[in-house]
mmCIF file of all heavy atoms, coordinates in Angstrom:
data_MODEL
# 
_entry.id   MODEL 
# 
loop_
_atom_site.group_PDB 
_atom_site.id 
_atom_site.type_symbol 
_atom_site.label_atom_id 
_atom_site.label_alt_id 
_atom_site.label_comp_id 
_atom_site.label_asym_id 
_atom_site.label_entity_id 
_atom_site.label_seq_id 
_atom_site.pdbx_PDB_ins_code 
_atom_site.Cartn_x 
_atom_site.Cartn_y 
_atom_site.Cartn_z 
_atom_site.occupancy 
_atom_site.B_iso_or_equiv 
_atom_site.pdbx_formal_charge 
_atom_site.auth_seq_id 
_atom_site.auth_comp_id 
_atom_site.auth_asym_id 
_atom_site.auth_atom_id 
_atom_site.pdbx_PDB_model_num 
ATOM 1   N N   . LEU A 1 1  ? 177.417 188.512 127.787 1.00 0.00 ? 1  LEU A N   1 
ATOM 2   C CA  . LEU A 1 1  ? 176.970 187.019 127.978 1.00 0.00 ? 1  LEU A CA  1 
ATOM 3   C C   . LEU A 1 1  ? 176.559 186.392 126.618 1.00 0.00 ? 1  LEU A C   1 
ATOM 4   O O   . LEU A 1 1  ? 175.650 186.760 126.078 1.00 0.00 ? 1  LEU A O   1 
ATOM 5   C CB  . LEU A 1 1  ? 175.828 186.886 128.826 1.00 0.00 ? 1  LEU A CB  1 
ATOM 6   C CG  . LEU A 1 1  ? 175.290 185.596 129.236 1.00 0.00 ? 1  LEU A CG  1 
ATOM 7   C CD1 . LEU A 1 1  ? 176.307 184.704 130.002 1.00 0.00 ? 1  LEU A CD1 1 
ATOM 8   C CD2 . LEU A 1 1  ? 174.113 185.576 130.136 1.00 0.00 ? 1  LEU A CD2 1 
ATOM 9   N N   . THR A 1 2  ? 177.517 185.654 126.093 1.00 0.00 ? 2  THR A N   1 
ATOM 10  C CA  . THR A 1 2  ? 177.234 184.966 124.775 1.00 0.00 ? 2  THR A CA  1 
ATOM 11  C C   . THR A 1 2  ? 177.677 183.508 124.893 1.00 0.00 ? 2  THR A C   1 
ATOM 12  O O   . THR A 1 2  ? 178.176 183.055 125.898 1.00 0.00 ? 2  THR A O   1 
ATOM 13  C CB  . THR A 1 2  ? 178.141 185.621 123.764 1.00 0.00 ? 2  THR A CB  1 
ATOM 14  O OG1 . THR A 1 2  ? 179.477 185.401 123.862 1.00 0.00 ? 2  THR A OG1 1 
ATOM 15  C CG2 . THR A 1 2  ? 177.849 187.088 123.547 1.00 0.00 ? 2  THR A CG2 1 
ATOM 16  N N   . GLY A 1 3  ? 177.532 182.770 123.779 1.00 0.00 ? 3  GLY A N   1 
ATOM 17  C CA  . GLY A 1 3  ? 177.854 181.310 123.803 1.00 0.00 ? 3  GLY A CA  1 
ATOM 18  C C   . GLY A 1 3  ? 179.399 181.192 124.000 1.00 0.00 ? 3  GLY A C   1 
ATOM 19  O O   . GLY A 1 3  ? 179.801 179.997 124.343 1.00 0.00 ? 3  GLY A O   1 
ATOM 20  N N   . ARG A 1 4  ? 180.187 182.067 123.718 1.00 0.00 ? 4  ARG A N   1 
ATOM 21  C CA  . ARG A 1 4  ? 181.671 182.035 123.811 1.00 0.00 ? 4  ARG A CA  1 
ATOM 22  C C   . ARG A 1 4  ? 182.074 182.151 125.207 1.00 0.00 ? 4  ARG A C   1 
ATOM 23  O O   . ARG A 1 4  ? 183.200 181.737 125.619 1.00 0.00 ? 4  ARG A O   1 
ATOM 24  C CB  . ARG A 1 4  ? 182.378 183.108 123.032 1.00 0.00 ? 4  ARG A CB  1 
ATOM 25  C CG  . ARG A 1 4  ? 182.119 182.901 121.515 1.00 0.00 ? 4  ARG A CG  1 
ATOM 26  C CD  . ARG A 1 4  ? 182.753 184.188 120.718 1.00 0.00 ? 4  ARG A CD  1 
ATOM 27  N NE  . ARG A 1 4  ? 184.123 184.312 121.118 1.00 0.00 ? 4  ARG A NE  1 
ATOM 28  C CZ  . ARG A 1 4  ? 185.093 183.766 120.343 1.00 0.00 ? 4  ARG A CZ  1 
ATOM 29  N NH1 . ARG A 1 4  ? 184.978 183.068 119.401 1.00 0.00 ? 4  ARG A NH1 1 
ATOM 30  N NH2 . ARG A 1 4  ? 186.431 184.108 120.630 1.00 0.00 ? 4  ARG A NH2 1 
ATOM 31  N N   . ILE A 1 5  ? 181.159 182.663 126.116 1.00 0.00 ? 5  ILE A N   1 
ATOM 32  C CA  . ILE A 1 5  ? 181.661 182.765 127.534 1.00 0.00 ? 5  ILE A CA  1 
ATOM 33  C C   . ILE A 1 5  ? 181.630 181.371 128.162 1.00 0.00 ? 5  ILE A C   1 
ATOM 34  O O   . ILE A 1 5  ? 180.733 180.657 128.182 1.00 0.00 ? 5  ILE A O   1 
ATOM 35  C CB  . ILE A 1 5  ? 180.667 183.675 128.189 1.00 0.00 ? 5  ILE A CB  1 
ATOM 36  C CG1 . ILE A 1 5  ? 180.605 185.062 127.552 1.00 0.00 ? 5  ILE A CG1 1 
ATOM 37  C CG2 . ILE A 1 5  ? 181.176 183.889 129.694 1.00 0.00 ? 5  ILE A CG2 1 
ATOM 38  C CD1 . ILE A 1 5  ? 181.940 185.798 127.314 1.00 0.00 ? 5  ILE A CD1 1 
ATOM 39  N N   . GLY A 1 6  ? 182.862 181.039 128.616 1.00 0.00 ? 6  GLY A N   1 
ATOM 40  C CA  . GLY A 1 6  ? 183.070 179.603 129.325 1.00 0.00 ? 6  GLY A CA  1 
ATOM 41  C C   . GLY A 1 6  ? 182.289 179.664 130.584 1.00 0.00 ? 6  GLY A C   1 
ATOM 42  O O   . GLY A 1 6  ? 182.011 180.628 131.325 1.00 0.00 ? 6  GLY A O   1 
ATOM 43  N N   . ALA A 1 7  ? 182.195 178.321 131.169 1.00 0.00 ? 7  ALA A N   1 
ATOM 44  C CA  . ALA A 1 7  ? 181.473 178.122 132.460 1.00 0.00 ? 7  ALA A CA  1 
ATOM 45  C C   . ALA A 1 7  ? 182.079 178.941 133.538 1.00 0.00 ? 7  ALA A C   1 
ATOM 46  O O   . ALA A 1 7  ? 181.304 179.476 134.370 1.00 0.00 ? 7  ALA A O   1 
ATOM 47  C CB  . ALA A 1 7  ? 181.493 176.661 132.688 1.00 0.00 ? 7  ALA A CB  1 
ATOM 48  N N   . VAL A 1 8  ? 183.375 179.060 133.674 1.00 0.00 ? 8  VAL A N   1 
ATOM 49  C CA  . VAL A 1 8  ? 184.118 179.728 134.791 1.00 0.00 ? 8  VAL A CA  1 
ATOM 50  C C   . VAL A 1 8  ? 183.598 181.159 134.772 1.00 0.00 ? 8  VAL A C   1 
ATOM 51  O O   . VAL A 1 8  ? 183.403 181.795 135.891 1.00 0.00 ? 8  VAL A O   1 
ATOM 52  C CB  . VAL A 1 8  ? 185.573 179.532 134.705 1.00 0.00 ? 8  VAL A CB  1 
ATOM 53  C CG1 . VAL A 1 8  ? 186.263 180.403 135.809 1.00 0.00 ? 8  VAL A CG1 1 
ATOM 54  C CG2 . VAL A 1 8  ? 185.996 178.105 134.870 1.00 0.00 ? 8  VAL A CG2 1 
ATOM 55  N N   . ASP A 1 9  ? 183.731 181.769 133.688 1.00 0.00 ? 9  ASP A N   1 
ATOM 56  C CA  . ASP A 1 9  ? 183.321 183.286 133.581 1.00 0.00 ? 9  ASP A CA  1 
ATOM 57  C C   . ASP A 1 9  ? 181.861 183.479 133.584 1.00 0.00 ? 9  ASP A C   1 
ATOM 58  O O   . ASP A 1 9  ? 181.402 184.554 134.029 1.00 0.00 ? 9  ASP A O   1 
ATOM 59  C CB  . ASP A 1 9  ? 183.906 183.906 132.305 1.00 0.00 ? 9  ASP A CB  1 
ATOM 60  C CG  . ASP A 1 9  ? 185.413 183.861 132.327 1.00 0.00 ? 9  ASP A CG  1 
ATOM 61  O OD1 . ASP A 1 9  ? 186.034 184.111 133.292 1.00 0.00 ? 9  ASP A OD1 1 
ATOM 62  O OD2 . ASP A 1 9  ? 185.991 183.647 131.214 1.00 0.00 ? 9  ASP A OD2 1 
ATOM 63  N N   . ARG A 1 10 ? 181.062 182.464 133.167 1.00 0.00 ? 10 ARG A N   1 
ATOM 64  C CA  . ARG A 1 10 ? 179.653 182.684 132.975 1.00 0.00 ? 10 ARG A CA  1 
ATOM 65  C C   . ARG A 1 10 ? 179.005 182.541 134.487 1.00 0.00 ? 10 ARG A C   1 
ATOM 66  O O   . ARG A 1 10 ? 177.941 183.357 134.622 1.00 0.00 ? 10 ARG A O   1 
ATOM 67  C CB  . ARG A 1 10 ? 179.022 181.479 132.279 1.00 0.00 ? 10 ARG A CB  1 
ATOM 68  C CG  . ARG A 1 10 ? 177.461 181.539 132.130 1.00 0.00 ? 10 ARG A CG  1 
ATOM 69  C CD  . ARG A 1 10 ? 177.162 180.326 131.288 1.00 0.00 ? 10 ARG A CD  1 
ATOM 70  N NE  . ARG A 1 10 ? 177.551 180.411 129.857 1.00 0.00 ? 10 ARG A NE  1 
ATOM 71  C CZ  . ARG A 1 10 ? 176.766 180.934 128.938 1.00 0.00 ? 10 ARG A CZ  1 
ATOM 72  N NH1 . ARG A 1 10 ? 175.542 181.169 129.147 1.00 0.00 ? 10 ARG A NH1 1 
ATOM 73  N NH2 . ARG A 1 10 ? 177.257 180.907 127.682 1.00 0.00 ? 10 ARG A NH2 1 
ATOM 74  N N   . LYS A 1 11 ? 179.518 181.872 135.244 1.00 0.00 ? 11 LYS A N   1 
ATOM 75  C CA  . LYS A 1 11 ? 178.989 181.636 136.691 1.00 0.00 ? 11 LYS A CA  1 
ATOM 76  C C   . LYS A 1 11 ? 178.771 182.951 137.491 1.00 0.00 ? 11 LYS A C   1 
ATOM 77  O O   . LYS A 1 11 ? 177.679 183.178 137.967 1.00 0.00 ? 11 LYS A O   1 
ATOM 78  C CB  . LYS A 1 11 ? 179.753 180.566 137.468 1.00 0.00 ? 11 LYS A CB  1 
ATOM 79  C CG  . LYS A 1 11 ? 179.164 180.225 138.707 1.00 0.00 ? 11 LYS A CG  1 
ATOM 80  C CD  . LYS A 1 11 ? 179.875 179.056 139.513 1.00 0.00 ? 11 LYS A CD  1 
ATOM 81  C CE  . LYS A 1 11 ? 179.205 178.724 140.882 1.00 0.00 ? 11 LYS A CE  1 
ATOM 82  N NZ  . LYS A 1 11 ? 180.047 177.582 141.504 1.00 0.00 ? 11 LYS A NZ  1 
ATOM 83  N N   . PRO A 1 12 ? 179.854 183.677 137.532 1.00 0.00 ? 12 PRO A N   1 
ATOM 84  C CA  . PRO A 1 12 ? 179.575 184.922 138.285 1.00 0.00 ? 12 PRO A CA  1 
ATOM 85  C C   . PRO A 1 12 ? 178.612 185.946 137.672 1.00 0.00 ? 12 PRO A C   1 
ATOM 86  O O   . PRO A 1 12 ? 177.895 186.722 138.373 1.00 0.00 ? 12 PRO A O   1 
ATOM 87  C CB  . PRO A 1 12 ? 180.970 185.564 138.373 1.00 0.00 ? 12 PRO A CB  1 
ATOM 88  C CG  . PRO A 1 12 ? 181.726 184.953 137.335 1.00 0.00 ? 12 PRO A CG  1 
ATOM 89  C CD  . PRO A 1 12 ? 181.215 183.570 137.181 1.00 0.00 ? 12 PRO A CD  1 
ATOM 90  N N   . ILE A 1 13 ? 178.497 185.905 136.303 1.00 0.00 ? 13 ILE A N   1 
ATOM 91  C CA  . ILE A 1 13 ? 177.688 186.821 135.622 1.00 0.00 ? 13 ILE A CA  1 
ATOM 92  C C   . ILE A 1 13 ? 176.208 186.387 135.925 1.00 0.00 ? 13 ILE A C   1 
ATOM 93  O O   . ILE A 1 13 ? 175.391 187.269 136.259 1.00 0.00 ? 13 ILE A O   1 
ATOM 94  C CB  . ILE A 1 13 ? 177.886 186.849 134.096 1.00 0.00 ? 13 ILE A CB  1 
ATOM 95  C CG1 . ILE A 1 13 ? 179.354 187.395 133.668 1.00 0.00 ? 13 ILE A CG1 1 
ATOM 96  C CG2 . ILE A 1 13 ? 176.816 187.523 133.437 1.00 0.00 ? 13 ILE A CG2 1 
ATOM 97  C CD1 . ILE A 1 13 ? 179.570 187.271 132.247 1.00 0.00 ? 13 ILE A CD1 1 
ATOM 98  N N   . LEU A 1 14 ? 175.862 185.042 135.900 1.00 0.00 ? 14 LEU A N   1 
ATOM 99  C CA  . LEU A 1 14 ? 174.560 184.640 136.205 1.00 0.00 ? 14 LEU A CA  1 
ATOM 100 C C   . LEU A 1 14 ? 174.153 184.891 137.569 1.00 0.00 ? 14 LEU A C   1 
ATOM 101 O O   . LEU A 1 14 ? 173.103 185.238 137.965 1.00 0.00 ? 14 LEU A O   1 
ATOM 102 C CB  . LEU A 1 14 ? 174.410 183.196 135.952 1.00 0.00 ? 14 LEU A CB  1 
ATOM 103 C CG  . LEU A 1 14 ? 174.666 182.638 134.351 1.00 0.00 ? 14 LEU A CG  1 
ATOM 104 C CD1 . LEU A 1 14 ? 174.595 181.126 134.319 1.00 0.00 ? 14 LEU A CD1 1 
ATOM 105 C CD2 . LEU A 1 14 ? 173.604 183.382 133.534 1.00 0.00 ? 14 LEU A CD2 1 
ATOM 106 N N   . ARG A 1 15 ? 175.194 184.743 138.493 1.00 0.00 ? 15 ARG A N   1 
ATOM 107 C CA  . ARG A 1 15 ? 174.932 185.006 139.909 1.00 0.00 ? 15 ARG A CA  1 
ATOM 108 C C   . ARG A 1 15 ? 174.541 186.457 140.125 1.00 0.00 ? 15 ARG A C   1 
ATOM 109 O O   . ARG A 1 15 ? 173.595 186.806 140.936 1.00 0.00 ? 15 ARG A O   1 
ATOM 110 C CB  . ARG A 1 15 ? 176.161 184.599 140.782 1.00 0.00 ? 15 ARG A CB  1 
ATOM 111 C CG  . ARG A 1 15 ? 176.042 184.750 142.263 1.00 0.00 ? 15 ARG A CG  1 
ATOM 112 C CD  . ARG A 1 15 ? 177.343 184.737 142.975 1.00 0.00 ? 15 ARG A CD  1 
ATOM 113 N NE  . ARG A 1 15 ? 178.325 185.855 142.460 1.00 0.00 ? 15 ARG A NE  1 
ATOM 114 C CZ  . ARG A 1 15 ? 179.566 185.531 142.306 1.00 0.00 ? 15 ARG A CZ  1 
ATOM 115 N NH1 . ARG A 1 15 ? 180.184 184.449 142.377 1.00 0.00 ? 15 ARG A NH1 1 
ATOM 116 N NH2 . ARG A 1 15 ? 180.278 186.653 141.862 1.00 0.00 ? 15 ARG A NH2 1 
ATOM 117 N N   . ASP A 1 16 ? 175.416 187.283 139.531 1.00 0.00 ? 16 ASP A N   1 
ATOM 118 C CA  . ASP A 1 16 ? 175.126 188.755 139.848 1.00 0.00 ? 16 ASP A CA  1 
ATOM 119 C C   . ASP A 1 16 ? 173.904 189.255 139.168 1.00 0.00 ? 16 ASP A C   1 
ATOM 120 O O   . ASP A 1 16 ? 173.289 190.250 139.638 1.00 0.00 ? 16 ASP A O   1 
ATOM 121 C CB  . ASP A 1 16 ? 176.414 189.571 139.435 1.00 0.00 ? 16 ASP A CB  1 
ATOM 122 C CG  . ASP A 1 16 ? 177.587 189.190 140.249 1.00 0.00 ? 16 ASP A CG  1 
ATOM 123 O OD1 . ASP A 1 16 ? 177.417 188.627 141.337 1.00 0.00 ? 16 ASP A OD1 1 
ATOM 124 O OD2 . ASP A 1 16 ? 178.704 189.766 139.861 1.00 0.00 ? 16 ASP A OD2 1 
ATOM 125 N N   . LEU A 1 17 ? 173.512 188.707 138.036 1.00 0.00 ? 17 LEU A N   1 
ATOM 126 C CA  . LEU A 1 17 ? 172.267 189.016 137.343 1.00 0.00 ? 17 LEU A CA  1 
ATOM 127 C C   . LEU A 1 17 ? 171.095 188.677 138.375 1.00 0.00 ? 17 LEU A C   1 
ATOM 128 O O   . LEU A 1 17 ? 170.174 189.454 138.373 1.00 0.00 ? 17 LEU A O   1 
ATOM 129 C CB  . LEU A 1 17 ? 172.080 188.391 135.979 1.00 0.00 ? 17 LEU A CB  1 
ATOM 130 C CG  . LEU A 1 17 ? 172.927 188.960 134.734 1.00 0.00 ? 17 LEU A CG  1 
ATOM 131 C CD1 . LEU A 1 17 ? 172.865 188.012 133.617 1.00 0.00 ? 17 LEU A CD1 1 
ATOM 132 C CD2 . LEU A 1 17 ? 172.505 190.435 134.459 1.00 0.00 ? 17 LEU A CD2 1 
ATOM 133 N N   . SER A 1 18 ? 171.310 187.439 138.810 1.00 0.00 ? 18 SER A N   1 
ATOM 134 C CA  . SER A 1 18 ? 170.178 186.951 139.676 1.00 0.00 ? 18 SER A CA  1 
ATOM 135 C C   . SER A 1 18 ? 169.963 187.647 140.982 1.00 0.00 ? 18 SER A C   1 
ATOM 136 O O   . SER A 1 18 ? 168.923 187.927 141.453 1.00 0.00 ? 18 SER A O   1 
ATOM 137 C CB  . SER A 1 18 ? 170.425 185.470 139.960 1.00 0.00 ? 18 SER A CB  1 
ATOM 138 O OG  . SER A 1 18 ? 169.411 184.937 140.762 1.00 0.00 ? 18 SER A OG  1 
ATOM 139 N N   . SER A 1 19 ? 171.207 188.256 141.457 1.00 0.00 ? 19 SER A N   1 
ATOM 140 C CA  . SER A 1 19 ? 171.107 189.051 142.747 1.00 0.00 ? 19 SER A CA  1 
ATOM 141 C C   . SER A 1 19 ? 170.750 190.456 142.535 1.00 0.00 ? 19 SER A C   1 
ATOM 142 O O   . SER A 1 19 ? 170.421 191.135 143.546 1.00 0.00 ? 19 SER A O   1 
ATOM 143 C CB  . SER A 1 19 ? 172.456 188.836 143.475 1.00 0.00 ? 19 SER A CB  1 
ATOM 144 O OG  . SER A 1 19 ? 173.450 189.465 142.746 1.00 0.00 ? 19 SER A OG  1 
ATOM 145 N N   . GLY A 1 20 ? 170.902 190.879 141.324 1.00 0.00 ? 20 GLY A N   1 
ATOM 146 C CA  . GLY A 1 20 ? 170.667 192.357 141.031 1.00 0.00 ? 20 GLY A CA  1 
ATOM 147 C C   . GLY A 1 20 ? 171.900 193.162 141.101 1.00 0.00 ? 20 GLY A C   1 
ATOM 148 O O   . GLY A 1 20 ? 171.874 194.422 140.985 1.00 0.00 ? 20 GLY A O   1 
ATOM 149 N N   . ASP A 1 21 ? 173.184 192.508 141.422 1.00 0.00 ? 21 ASP A N   1 
ATOM 150 C CA  . ASP A 1 21 ? 174.395 193.159 141.514 1.00 0.00 ? 21 ASP A CA  1 
ATOM 151 C C   . ASP A 1 21 ? 175.045 193.686 140.182 1.00 0.00 ? 21 ASP A C   1 
ATOM 152 O O   . ASP A 1 21 ? 175.804 194.591 140.254 1.00 0.00 ? 21 ASP A O   1 
ATOM 153 C CB  . ASP A 1 21 ? 175.428 192.417 142.345 1.00 0.00 ? 21 ASP A CB  1 
ATOM 154 C CG  . ASP A 1 21 ? 174.996 192.190 143.795 1.00 0.00 ? 21 ASP A CG  1 
ATOM 155 O OD1 . ASP A 1 21 ? 174.235 193.095 144.231 1.00 0.00 ? 21 ASP A OD1 1 
ATOM 156 O OD2 . ASP A 1 21 ? 175.528 191.267 144.407 1.00 0.00 ? 21 ASP A OD2 1 
ATOM 157 N N   . LEU A 1 22 ? 174.585 193.104 139.035 1.00 0.00 ? 22 LEU A N   1 
ATOM 158 C CA  . LEU A 1 22 ? 175.115 193.454 137.766 1.00 0.00 ? 22 LEU A CA  1 
ATOM 159 C C   . LEU A 1 22 ? 174.067 194.228 137.029 1.00 0.00 ? 22 LEU A C   1 
ATOM 160 O O   . LEU A 1 22 ? 172.873 193.805 136.664 1.00 0.00 ? 22 LEU A O   1 
ATOM 161 C CB  . LEU A 1 22 ? 175.388 192.168 136.972 1.00 0.00 ? 22 LEU A CB  1 
ATOM 162 C CG  . LEU A 1 22 ? 175.885 192.435 135.503 1.00 0.00 ? 22 LEU A CG  1 
ATOM 163 C CD1 . LEU A 1 22 ? 177.138 193.080 135.582 1.00 0.00 ? 22 LEU A CD1 1 
ATOM 164 C CD2 . LEU A 1 22 ? 176.097 191.096 134.863 1.00 0.00 ? 22 LEU A CD2 1 
ATOM 165 N N   . PRO A 1 23 ? 174.138 195.555 136.934 1.00 0.00 ? 23 PRO A N   1 
ATOM 166 C CA  . PRO A 1 23 ? 173.067 196.377 136.417 1.00 0.00 ? 23 PRO A CA  1 
ATOM 167 C C   . PRO A 1 23 ? 172.840 196.212 134.895 1.00 0.00 ? 23 PRO A C   1 
ATOM 168 O O   . PRO A 1 23 ? 171.707 196.347 134.421 1.00 0.00 ? 23 PRO A O   1 
ATOM 169 C CB  . PRO A 1 23 ? 173.379 197.792 136.784 1.00 0.00 ? 23 PRO A CB  1 
ATOM 170 C CG  . PRO A 1 23 ? 174.959 197.738 136.954 1.00 0.00 ? 23 PRO A CG  1 
ATOM 171 C CD  . PRO A 1 23 ? 175.275 196.339 137.432 1.00 0.00 ? 23 PRO A CD  1 
ATOM 172 N N   . ILE A 1 24 ? 173.879 196.050 134.058 1.00 0.00 ? 24 ILE A N   1 
ATOM 173 C CA  . ILE A 1 24 ? 173.705 195.892 132.594 1.00 0.00 ? 24 ILE A CA  1 
ATOM 174 C C   . ILE A 1 24 ? 174.466 194.850 132.067 1.00 0.00 ? 24 ILE A C   1 
ATOM 175 O O   . ILE A 1 24 ? 175.430 194.507 132.409 1.00 0.00 ? 24 ILE A O   1 
ATOM 176 C CB  . ILE A 1 24 ? 174.140 197.414 131.961 1.00 0.00 ? 24 ILE A CB  1 
ATOM 177 C CG1 . ILE A 1 24 ? 173.357 198.529 132.306 1.00 0.00 ? 24 ILE A CG1 1 
ATOM 178 C CG2 . ILE A 1 24 ? 174.488 197.179 130.513 1.00 0.00 ? 24 ILE A CG2 1 
ATOM 179 C CD1 . ILE A 1 24 ? 173.836 199.727 131.693 1.00 0.00 ? 24 ILE A CD1 1 
ATOM 180 N N   . VAL A 1 25 ? 173.695 194.100 131.146 1.00 0.00 ? 25 VAL A N   1 
ATOM 181 C CA  . VAL A 1 25 ? 174.208 192.959 130.355 1.00 0.00 ? 25 VAL A CA  1 
ATOM 182 C C   . VAL A 1 25 ? 173.908 193.113 128.940 1.00 0.00 ? 25 VAL A C   1 
ATOM 183 O O   . VAL A 1 25 ? 172.991 193.530 128.533 1.00 0.00 ? 25 VAL A O   1 
ATOM 184 C CB  . VAL A 1 25 ? 173.674 191.635 131.064 1.00 0.00 ? 25 VAL A CB  1 
ATOM 185 C CG1 . VAL A 1 25 ? 172.194 191.510 130.808 1.00 0.00 ? 25 VAL A CG1 1 
ATOM 186 C CG2 . VAL A 1 25 ? 174.502 190.363 130.436 1.00 0.00 ? 25 VAL A CG2 1 
ATOM 187 N N   . PHE A 1 26 ? 174.981 192.657 128.131 1.00 0.00 ? 26 PHE A N   1 
ATOM 188 C CA  . PHE A 1 26 ? 174.762 192.700 126.686 1.00 0.00 ? 26 PHE A CA  1 
ATOM 189 C C   . PHE A 1 26 ? 174.953 191.142 126.262 1.00 0.00 ? 26 PHE A C   1 
ATOM 190 O O   . PHE A 1 26 ? 175.776 190.379 126.825 1.00 0.00 ? 26 PHE A O   1 
ATOM 191 C CB  . PHE A 1 26 ? 175.928 193.346 125.978 1.00 0.00 ? 26 PHE A CB  1 
ATOM 192 C CG  . PHE A 1 26 ? 175.853 194.868 126.250 1.00 0.00 ? 26 PHE A CG  1 
ATOM 193 C CD1 . PHE A 1 26 ? 176.461 195.412 127.402 1.00 0.00 ? 26 PHE A CD1 1 
ATOM 194 C CD2 . PHE A 1 26 ? 175.021 195.721 125.430 1.00 0.00 ? 26 PHE A CD2 1 
ATOM 195 C CE1 . PHE A 1 26 ? 176.397 196.810 127.602 1.00 0.00 ? 26 PHE A CE1 1 
ATOM 196 C CE2 . PHE A 1 26 ? 175.023 197.034 125.667 1.00 0.00 ? 26 PHE A CE2 1 
ATOM 197 C CZ  . PHE A 1 26 ? 175.621 197.646 126.843 1.00 0.00 ? 26 PHE A CZ  1 
ATOM 198 N N   . GLY A 1 27 ? 174.199 190.743 125.317 1.00 0.00 ? 27 GLY A N   1 
ATOM 199 C CA  . GLY A 1 27 ? 174.290 189.361 124.942 1.00 0.00 ? 27 GLY A CA  1 
ATOM 200 C C   . GLY A 1 27 ? 173.650 188.988 123.736 1.00 0.00 ? 27 GLY A C   1 
ATOM 201 O O   . GLY A 1 27 ? 173.036 189.803 122.974 1.00 0.00 ? 27 GLY A O   1 
ATOM 202 N N   . THR A 1 28 ? 173.510 187.567 123.398 1.00 0.00 ? 28 THR A N   1 
ATOM 203 C CA  . THR A 1 28 ? 172.777 187.090 122.224 1.00 0.00 ? 28 THR A CA  1 
ATOM 204 C C   . THR A 1 28 ? 171.615 186.175 122.746 1.00 0.00 ? 28 THR A C   1 
ATOM 205 O O   . THR A 1 28 ? 171.029 186.632 123.946 1.00 0.00 ? 28 THR A O   1 
ATOM 206 C CB  . THR A 1 28 ? 173.646 186.130 121.477 1.00 0.00 ? 28 THR A CB  1 
ATOM 207 O OG1 . THR A 1 28 ? 174.342 185.286 122.345 1.00 0.00 ? 28 THR A OG1 1 
ATOM 208 C CG2 . THR A 1 28 ? 174.890 186.998 120.849 1.00 0.00 ? 28 THR A CG2 1 
# 
């Protein structure tokens, strides 16, 4: 998850972080 990630790809990442379904994230 960085500033380069577009809105379309960002949306499922944010959703899964919020739900707990995404266990690990790297970012800035």
